[in-house]
Amino acid sequence: MILKKQITIRIEEPTTDNFKDLSEEMVIPYQSLINLYPSSKRVSSLLLKRL
């Protein structure tokens, strides 16, 4: 089980709007989408390094 820690960050409004729009398309809460973003970028980066 992955533990989650509550944090506060300041994100520009257009960025949060983009996440909210995308989350509506994907039918998931925007906070969940924001939470997925760092790990997806890390995985993509690691995969690219292997090529």
PDB file of N, CA and C in Angstrom:
ATOM      1  N   MET A   1       0.839  -1.184   0.000  1.00  0.00           N
ATOM      2  CA  MET A   1       0.000   0.000   0.000  1.00  0.00           C
ATOM      3  C   MET A   1       0.885   1.249   0.000  1.00  0.00           C
ATOM      4  N   ILE A   2       0.568   2.176  -0.875  1.00  0.00           N
ATOM      5  CA  ILE A   2       1.325   3.419  -0.965  1.00  0.00           C
ATOM      6  C   ILE A   2       0.691   4.453  -0.041  1.00  0.00           C
ATOM      7  N   LEU A   3       1.514   4.993   0.844  1.00  0.00           N
ATOM      8  CA  LEU A   3       1.032   6.036   1.735  1.00  0.00           C
ATOM      9  C   LEU A   3       1.008   7.363   1.004  1.00  0.00           C
ATOM     10  N   LYS A   4       0.022   8.157   1.276  1.00  0.00           N
ATOM     11  CA  LYS A   4      -0.070   9.475   0.660  1.00  0.00           C
ATOM     12  C   LYS A   4       0.047  10.533   1.739  1.00  0.00           C
ATOM     13  N   LYS A   5       0.732  11.602   1.385  1.00  0.00           N
ATOM     14  CA  LYS A   5       0.924  12.706   2.303  1.00  0.00           C
ATOM     15  C   LYS A   5       0.247  13.936   1.720  1.00  0.00           C
ATOM     16  N   GLN A   6      -0.504  14.613   2.526  1.00  0.00           N
ATOM     17  CA  GLN A   6      -1.174  15.828   2.073  1.00  0.00           C
ATOM     18  C   GLN A   6      -0.162  16.971   2.043  1.00  0.00           C
ATOM     19  N   ILE A   7      -0.133  17.673   0.906  1.00  0.00           N
ATOM     20  CA  ILE A   7       0.745  18.829   0.761  1.00  0.00           C
ATOM     21  C   ILE A   7      -0.035  19.977   0.136  1.00  0.00           C
ATOM     22  N   THR A   8       0.526  21.143   0.192  1.00  0.00           N
ATOM     23  CA  THR A   8      -0.061  22.312  -0.459  1.00  0.00           C
ATOM     24  C   THR A   8       0.953  22.858  -1.440  1.00  0.00           C
ATOM     25  N   ILE A   9       0.512  23.037  -2.683  1.00  0.00           N
ATOM     26  CA  ILE A   9       1.375  23.637  -3.696  1.00  0.00           C
ATOM     27  C   ILE A   9       0.587  24.705  -4.434  1.00  0.00           C
ATOM     28  N   ARG A  10       1.292  25.661  -4.962  1.00  0.00           N
ATOM     29  CA  ARG A  10       0.652  26.714  -5.738  1.00  0.00           C
ATOM     30  C   ARG A  10       0.851  26.403  -7.219  1.00  0.00           C
ATOM     31  N   ILE A  11      -0.271  26.257  -7.918  1.00  0.00           N
ATOM     32  CA  ILE A  11      -0.251  25.957  -9.345  1.00  0.00           C
ATOM     33  C   ILE A  11      -1.032  27.056 -10.048  1.00  0.00           C
ATOM     34  N   GLU A  12      -0.505  27.499 -11.165  1.00  0.00           N
ATOM     35  CA  GLU A  12      -1.187  28.555 -11.910  1.00  0.00           C
ATOM     36  C   GLU A  12      -2.572  28.086 -12.348  1.00  0.00           C
ATOM     37  N   GLU A  13      -3.510  29.004 -12.345  1.00  0.00           N
ATOM     38  CA  GLU A  13      -4.901  28.666 -12.644  1.00  0.00           C
ATOM     39  C   GLU A  13      -5.088  28.002 -14.012  1.00  0.00           C
ATOM     40  N   PRO A  14      -4.417  28.476 -15.068  1.00  0.00           N
ATOM     41  CA  PRO A  14      -4.593  27.781 -16.352  1.00  0.00           C
ATOM     42  C   PRO A  14      -4.149  26.308 -16.304  1.00  0.00           C
ATOM     43  N   THR A  15      -3.155  26.030 -15.489  1.00  0.00           N
ATOM     44  CA  THR A  15      -2.692  24.652 -15.351  1.00  0.00           C
ATOM     45  C   THR A  15      -3.754  23.796 -14.678  1.00  0.00           C
ATOM     46  N   THR A  16      -4.324  24.307 -13.602  1.00  0.00           N
ATOM     47  CA  THR A  16      -5.383  23.537 -12.936  1.00  0.00           C
ATOM     48  C   THR A  16      -6.597  23.405 -13.842  1.00  0.00           C
ATOM     49  N   ASP A  17      -6.894  24.435 -14.619  1.00  0.00           N
ATOM     50  CA  ASP A  17      -8.014  24.347 -15.568  1.00  0.00           C
ATOM     51  C   ASP A  17      -7.769  23.233 -16.585  1.00  0.00           C
ATOM     52  N   ASN A  18      -6.533  23.129 -17.063  1.00  0.00           N
ATOM     53  CA  ASN A  18      -6.203  22.066 -18.011  1.00  0.00           C
ATOM     54  C   ASN A  18      -6.384  20.689 -17.390  1.00  0.00           C
ATOM     55  N   PHE A  19      -5.926  20.531 -16.156  1.00  0.00           N
ATOM     56  CA  PHE A  19      -6.104  19.251 -15.468  1.00  0.00           C
ATOM     57  C   PHE A  19      -7.589  18.952 -15.255  1.00  0.00           C
ATOM     58  N   LYS A  20      -8.355  19.952 -14.897  1.00  0.00           N
ATOM     59  CA  LYS A  20      -9.790  19.742 -14.684  1.00  0.00           C
ATOM     60  C   LYS A  20     -10.491  19.349 -15.977  1.00  0.00           C
ATOM     61  N   ASP A  21     -10.145  20.008 -17.087  1.00  0.00           N
ATOM     62  CA  ASP A  21     -10.742  19.663 -18.376  1.00  0.00           C
ATOM     63  C   ASP A  21     -10.392  18.228 -18.776  1.00  0.00           C
ATOM     64  N   LEU A  22      -9.135  17.889 -18.638  1.00  0.00           N
ATOM     65  CA  LEU A  22      -8.707  16.538 -18.992  1.00  0.00           C
ATOM     66  C   LEU A  22      -9.341  15.495 -18.080  1.00  0.00           C
ATOM     67  N   SER A  23      -9.457  15.814 -16.808  1.00  0.00           N
ATOM     68  CA  SER A  23     -10.050  14.860 -15.872  1.00  0.00           C
ATOM     69  C   SER A  23     -11.520  14.599 -16.196  1.00  0.00           C
ATOM     70  N   GLU A  24     -12.219  15.622 -16.691  1.00  0.00           N
ATOM     71  CA  GLU A  24     -13.607  15.415 -17.110  1.00  0.00           C
ATOM     72  C   GLU A  24     -13.671  14.463 -18.301  1.00  0.00           C
ATOM     73  N   GLU A  25     -12.756  14.617 -19.242  1.00  0.00           N
ATOM     74  CA  GLU A  25     -12.708  13.722 -20.397  1.00  0.00           C
ATOM     75  C   GLU A  25     -12.394  12.289 -19.980  1.00  0.00           C
ATOM     76  N   MET A  26     -11.506  12.150 -18.990  1.00  0.00           N
ATOM     77  CA  MET A  26     -11.073  10.830 -18.545  1.00  0.00           C
ATOM     78  C   MET A  26     -11.985  10.255 -17.460  1.00  0.00           C
ATOM     79  N   VAL A  27     -12.874  11.056 -16.950  1.00  0.00           N
ATOM     80  CA  VAL A  27     -13.830  10.681 -15.895  1.00  0.00           C
ATOM     81  C   VAL A  27     -13.098  10.188 -14.640  1.00  0.00           C
ATOM     82  N   ILE A  28     -12.127  10.988 -14.209  1.00  0.00           N
ATOM     83  CA  ILE A  28     -11.458  10.748 -12.927  1.00  0.00           C
ATOM     84  C   ILE A  28     -11.312  12.096 -12.232  1.00  0.00           C
ATOM     85  N   PRO A  29     -11.218  12.108 -10.917  1.00  0.00           N
ATOM     86  CA  PRO A  29     -11.047  13.379 -10.204  1.00  0.00           C
ATOM     87  C   PRO A  29      -9.734  14.061 -10.610  1.00  0.00           C
ATOM     88  N   TYR A  30      -9.775  15.372 -10.725  1.00  0.00           N
ATOM     89  CA  TYR A  30      -8.583  16.084 -11.189  1.00  0.00           C
ATOM     90  C   TYR A  30      -7.408  15.939 -10.219  1.00  0.00           C
ATOM     91  N   GLN A  31      -7.682  15.793  -8.930  1.00  0.00           N
ATOM     92  CA  GLN A  31      -6.584  15.595  -7.984  1.00  0.00           C
ATOM     93  C   GLN A  31      -5.868  14.269  -8.264  1.00  0.00           C
ATOM     94  N   SER A  32      -6.618  13.268  -8.650  1.00  0.00           N
ATOM     95  CA  SER A  32      -6.010  11.974  -8.980  1.00  0.00           C
ATOM     96  C   SER A  32      -5.139  12.101 -10.222  1.00  0.00           C
ATOM     97  N   LEU A  33      -5.611  12.851 -11.186  1.00  0.00           N
ATOM     98  CA  LEU A  33      -4.831  13.067 -12.397  1.00  0.00           C
ATOM     99  C   LEU A  33      -3.535  13.817 -12.086  1.00  0.00           C
ATOM    100  N   ILE A  34      -3.636  14.838 -11.270  1.00  0.00           N
ATOM    101  CA  ILE A  34      -2.436  15.581 -10.866  1.00  0.00           C
ATOM    102  C   ILE A  34      -1.471  14.648 -10.130  1.00  0.00           C
ATOM    103  N   ASN A  35      -1.986  13.767  -9.317  1.00  0.00           N
ATOM    104  CA  ASN A  35      -1.154  12.823  -8.571  1.00  0.00           C
ATOM    105  C   ASN A  35      -0.447  11.838  -9.504  1.00  0.00           C
ATOM    106  N   LEU A  36      -1.080  11.470 -10.593  1.00  0.00           N
ATOM    107  CA  LEU A  36      -0.480  10.534 -11.546  1.00  0.00           C
ATOM    108  C   LEU A  36       0.625  11.177 -12.380  1.00  0.00           C
ATOM    109  N   TYR A  37       0.527  12.449 -12.591  1.00  0.00           N
ATOM    110  CA  TYR A  37       1.423  13.130 -13.520  1.00  0.00           C
ATOM    111  C   TYR A  37       2.915  12.964 -13.201  1.00  0.00           C
ATOM    112  N   PRO A  38       3.367  13.204 -11.975  1.00  0.00           N
ATOM    113  CA  PRO A  38       4.817  13.058 -11.708  1.00  0.00           C
ATOM    114  C   PRO A  38       5.324  11.640 -11.951  1.00  0.00           C
ATOM    115  N   SER A  39       4.565  10.640 -11.555  1.00  0.00           N
ATOM    116  CA  SER A  39       5.046   9.268 -11.748  1.00  0.00           C
ATOM    117  C   SER A  39       5.036   8.897 -13.222  1.00  0.00           C
ATOM    118  N   SER A  40       4.076   9.388 -13.992  1.00  0.00           N
ATOM    119  CA  SER A  40       4.045   9.068 -15.417  1.00  0.00           C
ATOM    120  C   SER A  40       5.218   9.725 -16.132  1.00  0.00           C
ATOM    121  N   LYS A  41       5.580  10.935 -15.743  1.00  0.00           N
ATOM    122  CA  LYS A  41       6.726  11.604 -16.351  1.00  0.00           C
ATOM    123  C   LYS A  41       8.021  10.883 -15.985  1.00  0.00           C
ATOM    124  N   ARG A  42       8.118  10.407 -14.768  1.00  0.00           N
ATOM    125  CA  ARG A  42       9.313   9.689 -14.322  1.00  0.00           C
ATOM    126  C   ARG A  42       9.460   8.390 -15.105  1.00  0.00           C
ATOM    127  N   VAL A  43       8.370   7.664 -15.261  1.00  0.00           N
ATOM    128  CA  VAL A  43       8.404   6.405 -15.999  1.00  0.00           C
ATOM    129  C   VAL A  43       8.765   6.663 -17.461  1.00  0.00           C
ATOM    130  N   SER A  44       8.175   7.671 -18.065  1.00  0.00           N
ATOM    131  CA  SER A  44       8.484   8.003 -19.458  1.00  0.00           C
ATOM    132  C   SER A  44       9.958   8.343 -19.612  1.00  0.00           C
ATOM    133  N   SER A  45      10.466   9.111 -18.690  1.00  0.00           N
ATOM    134  CA  SER A  45      11.874   9.489 -18.738  1.00  0.00           C
ATOM    135  C   SER A  45      12.789   8.278 -18.614  1.00  0.00           C
ATOM    136  N   LEU A  46      12.464   7.378 -17.719  1.00  0.00           N
ATOM    137  CA  LEU A  46      13.278   6.180 -17.539  1.00  0.00           C
ATOM    138  C   LEU A  46      13.240   5.298 -18.787  1.00  0.00           C
ATOM    139  N   LEU A  47      12.074   5.181 -19.395  1.00  0.00           N
ATOM    140  CA  LEU A  47      11.963   4.384 -20.610  1.00  0.00           C
ATOM    141  C   LEU A  47      12.761   4.980 -21.749  1.00  0.00           C
ATOM    142  N   LEU A  48      12.727   6.300 -21.882  1.00  0.00           N
ATOM    143  CA  LEU A  48      13.482   6.953 -22.948  1.00  0.00           C
ATOM    144  C   LEU A  48      14.988   6.752 -22.778  1.00  0.00           C
ATOM    145  N   LYS A  49      15.452   6.723 -21.540  1.00  0.00           N
ATOM    146  CA  LYS A  49      16.878   6.538 -21.291  1.00  0.00           C
ATOM    147  C   LYS A  49      17.341   5.151 -21.729  1.00  0.00           C
ATOM    148  N   ARG A  50      16.433   4.197 -21.740  1.00  0.00           N
ATOM    149  CA  ARG A  50      16.789   2.825 -22.116  1.00  0.00           C
ATOM    150  C   ARG A  50      16.872   2.646 -23.627  1.00  0.00           C
ATOM    151  N   LEU A  51      16.320   3.574 -24.387  1.00  0.00           N
ATOM    152  CA  LEU A  51      16.334   3.433 -25.855  1.00  0.00           C
ATOM    153  C   LEU A  51      17.667   3.790 -26.449  1.00  0.00           C
TER     154      LEU A  51
END
